[in-house]
């Protein structure tokens, strides 16, 4: 969040002007908007210098009046304008808004929050992005969750979070940043200064954790522990995992191993999204156990499994078990 605020302001100091926060991650938009308000607003004069408006509730005259009012006894007047998509069909409202966004008056901090409707081709949203200081907040990808938790624990709580704890908590909650943040705040009361957050700490905080999380299961496959992966597959699928989801996850995991095997950790780190780069070092040991031929055969098998999942009248579990058995047979053949 802090990085987003600094990008918007061009540094750490209040900058004023027009800001546009958009995308589908509602939690991040609210958090960053609140941070921008706090950075610009003088609490002593907030009654005079802070307006919060919702696009669907404000008319053009009110919008023009608020945007044209200068700050009183403070450096900035702050306007938080949410739901700016409400103006997309009003030419008059758009003109009033862009007259300010294109040339913000001194002393104004206009913080706009919006969500582009799915499928919309209106130019309005692109114009807002170009005219204002904009950041797009997309929902966190599922595979980003453990890395985000470990980084946020470090920066928000000042503690380290063990990988197993982050994975278990991430699997239990998913990519819901609001809930994940609440859980991290709760964990602050369970961890001694200087200690790391463990899976036991997460359990002690009252979070129900899965018996088998998907990332630990992928590690079993990556570590060529196919027998253990077979044994724990029923548990994993009983927790709601689908065959298609596992094939996608396994494909990503094996492709990471392939990059490590062929090009090394630096190449994988460069290819991964920021919250997944920690995997480059973690997967090195797994990569050493795979030959290029074994990786090729495994990925080819996953392509076949994907076709079966989409067309064959078979249970998901049976298709994944068949793929694991083929890997186990291949492994035993190599050992012999």
Protein backbone atom coordinates (compact mmCIF):
# COMPACT_ATOMS: atom_id res chain seq x y z
CA UNK A 1 0.00 0.00 0.00
CA UNK A 2 2.78 2.44 0.91
CA UNK A 3 4.39 1.89 -2.50
CA UNK A 4 1.12 2.79 -4.21
CA UNK A 5 0.77 5.98 -2.15
CA UNK A 6 4.34 7.04 -2.94
CA UNK A 7 3.83 6.36 -6.66
CA UNK A 8 0.69 8.48 -6.66
CA UNK A 9 2.32 11.39 -4.87
CA UNK A 10 5.75 11.11 -6.46
CA UNK A 11 7.30 10.71 -3.00
CA UNK A 12 6.30 10.66 0.64
CA UNK A 13 5.11 14.25 1.04
CA UNK A 14 1.55 15.50 0.32
CA UNK A 15 1.37 16.62 -3.28
CA UNK A 16 -2.24 17.62 -3.93
CA UNK A 17 -3.87 17.36 -7.34
CA UNK A 18 -6.20 14.73 -8.74
CA UNK A 19 -5.85 11.03 -7.90
CA UNK A 20 -7.77 8.17 -9.49
CA UNK A 21 -7.89 4.76 -7.79
CA UNK A 22 -9.50 2.09 -9.92
CA UNK A 23 -9.64 -1.67 -10.48
CA UNK A 24 -11.52 -4.52 -8.80
CA UNK A 25 -9.67 -4.73 -5.47
CA UNK A 26 -12.09 -2.73 -3.33
CA UNK A 27 -10.11 -3.19 -0.12
CA UNK A 28 -6.91 -1.71 -1.52
CA UNK A 29 -8.77 1.23 -3.04
CA UNK A 30 -10.37 2.04 0.31
CA UNK A 31 -7.07 1.69 2.18
CA UNK A 32 -5.09 3.86 -0.21
CA UNK A 33 -7.85 6.48 -0.43
CA UNK A 34 -7.93 6.70 3.38
CA UNK A 35 -4.16 7.07 3.45
CA UNK A 36 -4.25 9.88 0.89
CA UNK A 37 -6.95 11.67 2.88
CA UNK A 38 -4.91 11.40 6.09
CA UNK A 39 -1.77 12.71 4.40
CA UNK A 40 -3.45 15.81 2.99
CA UNK A 41 -6.06 16.71 5.60
CA UNK A 42 -5.34 18.92 8.60
CA UNK A 43 -7.46 17.38 11.41
CA UNK A 44 -7.88 20.78 13.06
CA UNK A 45 -9.74 22.15 10.04
CA UNK A 46 -11.37 19.00 8.72
CA UNK A 47 -14.88 20.39 9.26
CA UNK A 48 -14.12 23.10 6.69
CA UNK A 49 -11.82 21.24 4.33
CA UNK A 50 -13.11 17.70 3.88
CA UNK A 51 -15.96 16.56 1.66
CA UNK A 52 -16.93 12.98 0.96
CA UNK A 53 -19.21 12.56 -2.05
CA UNK A 54 -20.74 9.57 -3.81
CA UNK A 55 -21.13 9.92 -7.55
CA UNK A 56 -24.65 8.55 -7.65
CA UNK A 57 -25.82 11.00 -4.94
CA UNK A 58 -24.29 14.27 -6.13
CA UNK A 59 -25.74 16.52 -8.85
CA UNK A 60 -23.72 18.62 -11.28
CA UNK A 61 -24.27 21.92 -9.44
CA UNK A 62 -23.16 20.47 -6.10
CA UNK A 63 -20.13 18.85 -7.73
CA UNK A 64 -19.08 22.15 -9.35
CA UNK A 65 -19.56 24.04 -6.07
CA UNK A 66 -17.50 21.62 -4.00
CA UNK A 67 -14.70 21.38 -6.58
CA UNK A 68 -14.51 25.16 -6.79
CA UNK A 69 -14.26 25.85 -3.05
CA UNK A 70 -10.72 26.74 -1.89
CA UNK A 71 -9.17 25.52 1.38
CA UNK A 72 -9.86 27.46 4.58
CA UNK A 73 -7.05 28.00 7.10
CA UNK A 74 -5.16 24.96 5.78
CA UNK A 75 -2.86 23.98 2.93
CA UNK A 76 -5.29 21.53 1.32
CA UNK A 77 -8.96 21.02 0.76
CA UNK A 78 -9.63 17.28 0.45
CA UNK A 79 -12.46 15.78 -1.60
CA UNK A 80 -13.03 12.03 -1.60
CA UNK A 81 -15.25 11.23 -4.57
CA UNK A 82 -16.33 7.59 -4.78
CA UNK A 83 -18.34 5.89 -7.49
CA UNK A 84 -17.05 8.11 -10.30
CA UNK A 85 -18.51 5.64 -12.80
CA UNK A 86 -21.85 7.38 -12.14
CA UNK A 87 -20.64 10.31 -14.27
CA UNK A 88 -19.89 8.24 -17.37
CA UNK A 89 -23.31 8.93 -18.94
CA UNK A 90 -23.52 12.61 -18.05
CA UNK A 91 -21.75 14.99 -20.44
CA UNK A 92 -22.23 17.94 -18.05
CA UNK A 93 -20.84 16.08 -15.06
CA UNK A 94 -17.87 14.84 -17.05
CA UNK A 95 -17.08 18.38 -18.19
CA UNK A 96 -17.21 19.74 -14.62
CA UNK A 97 -15.01 16.91 -13.40
CA UNK A 98 -12.42 17.15 -16.18
CA UNK A 99 -12.21 20.92 -15.91
CA UNK A 100 -10.75 20.26 -12.44
CA UNK A 101 -8.86 17.03 -13.12
CA UNK A 102 -7.08 18.47 -16.17
CA UNK A 103 -5.92 21.54 -14.24
CA UNK A 104 -6.32 21.11 -10.46
CA UNK A 105 -6.27 24.41 -8.57
CA UNK A 106 -3.60 24.94 -5.89
CA UNK A 107 -4.64 23.56 -2.51
CA UNK A 108 -6.94 20.82 -3.83
CA UNK A 109 -6.53 17.09 -3.19
CA UNK A 110 -9.23 15.33 -5.23
CA UNK A 111 -9.24 11.60 -4.55
CA UNK A 112 -11.46 9.69 -6.98
CA UNK A 113 -12.37 6.03 -6.57
CA UNK A 114 -14.14 4.00 -9.21
CA UNK A 115 -14.70 0.64 -10.86
CA UNK A 116 -15.01 0.31 -14.60
CA UNK A 117 -18.08 -1.85 -15.38
CA UNK A 118 -17.25 -5.19 -16.95
CA UNK A 119 -17.36 -4.94 -20.73
CA UNK A 120 -17.56 -1.15 -20.79
CA UNK A 121 -15.86 0.51 -23.77
CA UNK A 122 -16.45 4.08 -22.60
CA UNK A 123 -13.49 6.40 -23.24
CA UNK A 124 -14.25 8.16 -19.95
CA UNK A 125 -12.26 5.71 -17.86
CA UNK A 126 -9.14 5.90 -20.00
CA UNK A 127 -9.35 9.68 -19.99
CA UNK A 128 -9.49 9.70 -16.20
CA UNK A 129 -6.45 7.43 -16.01
CA UNK A 130 -4.43 9.77 -18.24
CA UNK A 131 -5.57 13.04 -16.68
CA UNK A 132 -5.15 12.09 -13.01
CA UNK A 133 -2.45 10.34 -11.04
CA UNK A 134 -3.76 6.82 -11.37
CA UNK A 135 -3.16 3.40 -9.90
CA UNK A 136 -5.04 0.25 -10.85
CA UNK A 137 -5.66 -2.25 -8.05
CA UNK A 138 -6.32 -5.76 -9.29
CA UNK A 139 -7.33 -8.57 -6.92
CA UNK A 140 -4.46 -10.55 -5.50
CA UNK A 141 -3.79 -13.75 -7.44
CA UNK A 142 -4.21 -16.93 -5.40
CA UNK A 143 -0.52 -17.84 -5.78
CA UNK A 144 0.49 -14.37 -4.58
CA UNK A 145 -1.17 -14.81 -1.18
CA UNK A 146 1.66 -16.51 0.79
CA UNK A 147 4.24 -14.01 -0.44
CA UNK A 148 1.92 -11.10 0.29
CA UNK A 149 1.34 -12.40 3.82
CA UNK A 150 5.03 -12.81 4.54
CA UNK A 151 5.85 -9.36 3.17
CA UNK A 152 2.94 -7.66 4.96
CA UNK A 153 3.77 -9.36 8.27
CA UNK A 154 7.31 -8.02 7.92
CA UNK A 155 6.30 -4.47 6.98
CA UNK A 156 3.09 -4.12 9.03
CA UNK A 157 3.89 -6.12 12.18
CA UNK A 158 7.68 -6.06 12.03
CA UNK A 159 7.88 -9.86 12.33
CA UNK A 160 8.76 -12.73 10.05
CA UNK A 161 6.05 -15.20 9.03
CA UNK A 162 7.10 -18.75 8.29
CA UNK A 163 6.23 -20.09 4.85
CA UNK A 164 4.07 -22.92 6.22
CA UNK A 165 2.07 -20.45 8.29
CA UNK A 166 1.55 -18.12 5.33
CA UNK A 167 0.52 -20.94 3.04
CA UNK A 168 -1.92 -22.45 5.52
CA UNK A 169 -3.53 -19.10 6.31
CA UNK A 170 -3.64 -18.18 2.63
CA UNK A 171 -5.28 -21.47 1.72
CA UNK A 172 -7.85 -21.07 4.50
CA UNK A 173 -8.88 -17.52 3.57
CA UNK A 174 -7.93 -17.03 -0.07
CA UNK A 175 -7.03 -13.69 -1.71
CA UNK A 176 -9.30 -11.55 0.48
CA UNK A 177 -6.95 -8.78 1.58
CA UNK A 178 -9.35 -7.35 4.14
CA UNK A 179 -9.72 -10.68 5.98
CA UNK A 180 -6.03 -11.49 5.62
CA UNK A 181 -5.09 -8.14 7.15
CA UNK A 182 -7.49 -8.71 10.05
CA UNK A 183 -5.88 -12.08 10.71
CA UNK A 184 -2.38 -10.58 10.65
CA UNK A 185 -3.44 -7.87 13.10
CA UNK A 186 -4.89 -10.55 15.36
CA UNK A 187 -1.63 -12.50 15.21
CA UNK A 188 0.23 -9.49 16.59
CA UNK A 189 -1.12 -10.41 20.03
CA UNK A 190 0.17 -13.99 19.82
CA UNK A 191 3.77 -13.39 18.86
CA UNK A 192 6.56 -12.35 21.20
CA UNK A 193 8.87 -9.54 20.02
CA UNK A 194 11.52 -10.93 17.73
CA UNK A 195 9.69 -14.25 17.17
CA UNK A 196 8.39 -15.54 13.86
CA UNK A 197 4.74 -16.33 13.16
CA UNK A 198 4.35 -20.09 12.94
CA UNK A 199 1.48 -22.29 11.83
CA UNK A 200 0.86 -23.02 15.53
CA UNK A 201 0.47 -19.28 16.17
CA UNK A 202 -2.13 -19.06 13.41
CA UNK A 203 -4.03 -21.97 14.94
CA UNK A 204 -3.78 -20.42 18.42
CA UNK A 205 -5.30 -17.21 17.05
CA UNK A 206 -8.45 -19.17 16.27
CA UNK A 207 -8.16 -19.58 12.49
CA UNK A 208 -9.40 -22.87 11.10
CA UNK A 209 -6.60 -24.20 8.92
CA UNK A 210 -6.86 -26.86 6.22
CA UNK A 211 -5.48 -30.32 6.94
CA UNK A 212 -3.67 -30.22 3.59
CA UNK A 213 -2.95 -26.96 1.80
CA UNK A 214 -2.54 -26.91 -1.96
CA UNK A 215 0.97 -25.41 -2.00
CA UNK A 216 2.34 -28.03 0.39
CA UNK A 217 0.78 -30.67 -1.86
CA UNK A 218 2.46 -29.15 -4.92
CA UNK A 219 5.73 -29.39 -2.99
CA UNK A 220 5.14 -33.11 -2.54
CA UNK A 221 4.83 -33.49 -6.29
CA UNK A 222 7.77 -31.15 -6.92
CA UNK A 223 9.82 -33.22 -4.49
CA UNK A 224 8.80 -36.36 -6.42
CA UNK A 225 7.04 -37.76 -3.36
CA UNK A 226 4.27 -39.14 -5.55
CA UNK A 227 3.15 -41.78 -3.05
CA UNK A 228 2.51 -39.15 -0.38
CA UNK A 229 0.76 -36.97 -2.95
CA UNK A 230 -1.52 -39.89 -3.80
CA UNK A 231 -2.28 -40.51 -0.13
CA UNK A 232 -3.18 -36.89 0.59
CA UNK A 233 -5.06 -36.17 -2.64
CA UNK A 234 -8.44 -37.28 -1.19
CA UNK A 235 -7.97 -34.90 1.76
CA UNK A 236 -7.08 -32.02 -0.56
CA UNK A 237 -10.08 -32.60 -2.80
CA UNK A 238 -12.44 -33.01 0.15
CA UNK A 239 -11.55 -29.42 1.04
CA UNK A 240 -12.99 -28.16 -2.24
CA UNK A 241 -10.12 -28.41 -4.73
CA UNK A 242 -11.13 -29.24 -8.29
CA UNK A 243 -9.28 -31.32 -10.84
CA UNK A 244 -8.95 -28.35 -13.19
CA UNK A 245 -7.58 -26.17 -10.39
CA UNK A 246 -4.99 -28.78 -9.48
CA UNK A 247 -3.91 -29.25 -13.10
CA UNK A 248 -3.42 -25.50 -13.46
CA UNK A 249 -1.50 -25.33 -10.18
CA UNK A 250 0.66 -28.35 -11.04
CA UNK A 251 1.41 -26.94 -14.49
CA UNK A 252 2.59 -23.65 -12.98
CA UNK A 253 4.67 -25.48 -10.39
CA UNK A 254 6.37 -27.70 -12.96
CA UNK A 255 7.00 -24.80 -15.33
CA UNK A 256 8.79 -22.99 -12.50
CA UNK A 257 10.87 -26.09 -11.90
CA UNK A 258 11.62 -26.29 -15.64
CA UNK A 259 12.89 -22.70 -15.68
CA UNK A 260 15.07 -23.42 -12.64
CA UNK A 261 16.40 -26.61 -14.18
CA UNK A 262 17.22 -25.02 -17.53
CA UNK A 263 18.08 -21.41 -16.69
CA UNK A 264 18.67 -21.12 -12.94
CA UNK A 265 17.17 -19.17 -10.00
CA UNK A 266 17.90 -15.70 -11.40
CA UNK A 267 15.89 -16.43 -14.54
CA UNK A 268 12.96 -17.77 -12.53
CA UNK A 269 13.03 -14.83 -10.12
CA UNK A 270 12.92 -12.44 -13.06
CA UNK A 271 9.97 -14.28 -14.60
CA UNK A 272 7.86 -14.46 -11.43
CA UNK A 273 5.47 -11.76 -10.17
CA UNK A 274 6.85 -9.77 -7.19
CA UNK A 275 4.97 -11.71 -4.48
CA UNK A 276 6.17 -15.06 -5.87
CA UNK A 277 9.87 -14.35 -6.31
CA UNK A 278 10.73 -15.99 -2.99
CA UNK A 279 9.92 -19.31 -4.71
CA UNK A 280 13.09 -19.13 -6.80
CA UNK A 281 15.27 -20.23 -3.88
CA UNK A 282 12.71 -22.53 -2.29
CA UNK A 283 12.28 -24.68 -5.41
CA UNK A 284 15.98 -25.19 -6.15
CA UNK A 285 16.10 -28.49 -4.29
CA UNK A 286 13.03 -29.79 -6.10
CA UNK A 287 14.44 -28.82 -9.50
CA UNK A 288 17.52 -30.97 -8.96
CA UNK A 289 15.33 -34.07 -8.84
CA UNK A 290 13.82 -33.56 -12.30
CA UNK A 291 15.39 -34.35 -15.65
CA UNK A 292 14.23 -32.40 -18.72
CA UNK A 293 12.65 -35.58 -20.06
CA UNK A 294 10.71 -36.16 -16.82
CA UNK A 295 9.43 -32.56 -16.84
CA UNK A 296 8.35 -32.89 -20.47
CA UNK A 297 6.52 -36.14 -19.78
CA UNK A 298 4.81 -34.71 -16.70
CA UNK A 299 3.57 -31.60 -18.51
CA UNK A 300 2.40 -33.69 -21.47
CA UNK A 301 0.48 -35.83 -18.99
CA UNK A 302 -1.13 -32.74 -17.51
CA UNK A 303 -2.30 -31.66 -20.97
CA UNK A 304 -3.94 -35.06 -21.34
CA UNK A 305 -5.48 -34.78 -17.87
CA UNK A 306 -6.88 -31.36 -18.77
CA UNK A 307 -8.58 -32.79 -21.88
CA UNK A 308 -10.04 -35.65 -19.85
CA UNK A 309 -11.33 -33.31 -17.15
CA UNK A 310 -13.17 -31.30 -19.79
CA UNK A 311 -14.56 -34.18 -21.85
CA UNK A 312 -14.45 -37.60 -20.17
CA UNK A 313 -17.20 -38.84 -17.81
CA UNK A 314 -14.64 -39.58 -15.08
CA UNK A 315 -14.26 -38.22 -11.58
CA UNK A 316 -11.65 -35.50 -11.13
CA UNK A 317 -9.90 -37.50 -8.45
CA UNK A 318 -9.48 -40.52 -10.74
CA UNK A 319 -7.86 -38.41 -13.46
CA UNK A 320 -5.38 -36.78 -11.07
CA UNK A 321 -4.62 -40.18 -9.50
CA UNK A 322 -3.87 -41.61 -12.95
CA UNK A 323 -1.42 -38.79 -13.61
CA UNK A 324 0.29 -39.33 -10.23
CA UNK A 325 0.52 -43.08 -10.78
CA UNK A 326 2.17 -42.48 -14.16
CA UNK A 327 4.72 -40.20 -12.49
CA UNK A 328 5.32 -42.81 -9.77
CA UNK A 329 5.84 -45.55 -12.36
CA UNK A 330 8.21 -43.33 -14.32
CA UNK A 331 10.15 -42.55 -11.14
CA UNK A 332 10.45 -46.21 -10.16
CA UNK A 333 11.55 -47.07 -13.69
CA UNK A 334 14.32 -44.51 -13.49
CA UNK A 335 15.43 -45.87 -10.11
CA UNK A 336 15.59 -49.39 -11.48
